[in-house]
């Protein structure tokens, strides 16, 4: 993937890739019809199977220098 981005002179992050799922709350930023259409597409989606070792609930603060904070992990639940 990075080779293709580099070939097309597109920017990319040099950090190691980490598979993840991002869940966002669109709030009032999307019209209801657009949100409903996106949800219909997601309901029908069947991606590849993969194993999960850990789940982390993250808080992200976007901006010129985004920050990320781990709020909870499945490890916390196993220990608690």
Protein backbone atom coordinates (compact mmCIF):
# COMPACT_ATOMS: atom_id res chain seq x y z
CA UNK A 1 0.00 0.00 0.00
CA UNK A 2 2.74 2.46 0.92
CA UNK A 3 4.52 1.80 -2.37
CA UNK A 4 1.39 2.88 -4.23
CA UNK A 5 1.05 6.01 -2.13
CA UNK A 6 4.71 6.87 -2.67
CA UNK A 7 4.44 6.17 -6.40
CA UNK A 8 1.52 8.59 -6.63
CA UNK A 9 3.38 11.11 -4.46
CA UNK A 10 0.70 11.04 -1.77
CA UNK A 11 1.55 11.60 1.89
CA UNK A 12 1.44 8.68 4.31
CA UNK A 13 2.31 7.91 7.90
CA UNK A 14 5.67 6.15 8.35
CA UNK A 15 4.68 4.57 11.68
CA UNK A 16 4.00 0.81 11.74
CA UNK A 17 0.47 -0.09 10.72
CA UNK A 18 -1.89 -1.11 13.54
CA UNK A 19 -5.24 -2.62 12.54
CA UNK A 20 -8.08 -0.81 14.28
CA UNK A 21 -11.72 0.14 14.05
CA UNK A 22 -12.69 3.78 14.40
CA UNK A 23 -16.16 4.56 15.70
CA UNK A 24 -17.21 8.17 15.34
CA UNK A 25 -20.31 10.06 16.35
CA UNK A 26 -21.32 12.31 13.45
CA UNK A 27 -23.75 14.33 15.58
CA UNK A 28 -25.29 17.06 13.51
CA UNK A 29 -22.45 17.16 10.96
CA UNK A 30 -24.27 14.86 8.51
CA UNK A 31 -27.79 15.06 7.14
CA UNK A 32 -29.95 12.23 8.49
CA UNK A 33 -30.42 10.71 5.02
CA UNK A 34 -26.63 10.47 4.51
CA UNK A 35 -26.16 8.86 7.92
CA UNK A 36 -28.96 6.35 7.23
CA UNK A 37 -27.38 5.44 3.86
CA UNK A 38 -23.97 4.91 5.52
CA UNK A 39 -25.54 2.69 8.18
CA UNK A 40 -27.27 0.59 5.50
CA UNK A 41 -23.91 0.01 3.79
CA UNK A 42 -22.25 -0.92 7.09
CA UNK A 43 -25.03 -3.38 7.99
CA UNK A 44 -24.34 -5.32 4.79
CA UNK A 45 -20.55 -5.26 5.16
CA UNK A 46 -18.80 -8.56 5.89
CA UNK A 47 -15.07 -7.95 6.12
CA UNK A 48 -12.32 -10.52 6.55
CA UNK A 49 -12.08 -12.51 9.77
CA UNK A 50 -9.32 -11.55 12.19
CA UNK A 51 -8.43 -12.32 15.79
CA UNK A 52 -8.55 -9.68 18.48
CA UNK A 53 -5.99 -9.82 21.29
CA UNK A 54 -6.98 -6.61 23.02
CA UNK A 55 -9.64 -3.90 22.79
CA UNK A 56 -8.80 -0.33 23.73
CA UNK A 57 -11.22 2.55 24.11
CA UNK A 58 -9.31 5.60 22.90
CA UNK A 59 -9.99 9.30 23.10
CA UNK A 60 -8.53 11.31 20.24
CA UNK A 61 -8.02 15.04 20.04
CA UNK A 62 -7.60 16.05 16.39
CA UNK A 63 -5.53 19.00 15.30
CA UNK A 64 -2.11 19.84 13.93
CA UNK A 65 -0.59 17.51 16.55
CA UNK A 66 -3.29 14.93 17.32
CA UNK A 67 -3.18 13.25 20.71
CA UNK A 68 -4.56 9.87 21.76
CA UNK A 69 -5.40 8.66 25.25
CA UNK A 70 -6.30 5.10 26.31
CA UNK A 71 -9.44 5.32 28.46
CA UNK A 72 -9.90 1.57 29.07
CA UNK A 73 -8.71 -1.81 27.80
CA UNK A 74 -9.95 -5.36 27.95
CA UNK A 75 -6.84 -6.06 30.04
CA UNK A 76 -8.26 -3.70 32.69
CA UNK A 77 -11.50 -5.71 32.71
CA UNK A 78 -9.62 -9.03 33.06
CA UNK A 79 -7.63 -7.73 36.03
CA UNK A 80 -10.50 -5.95 37.75
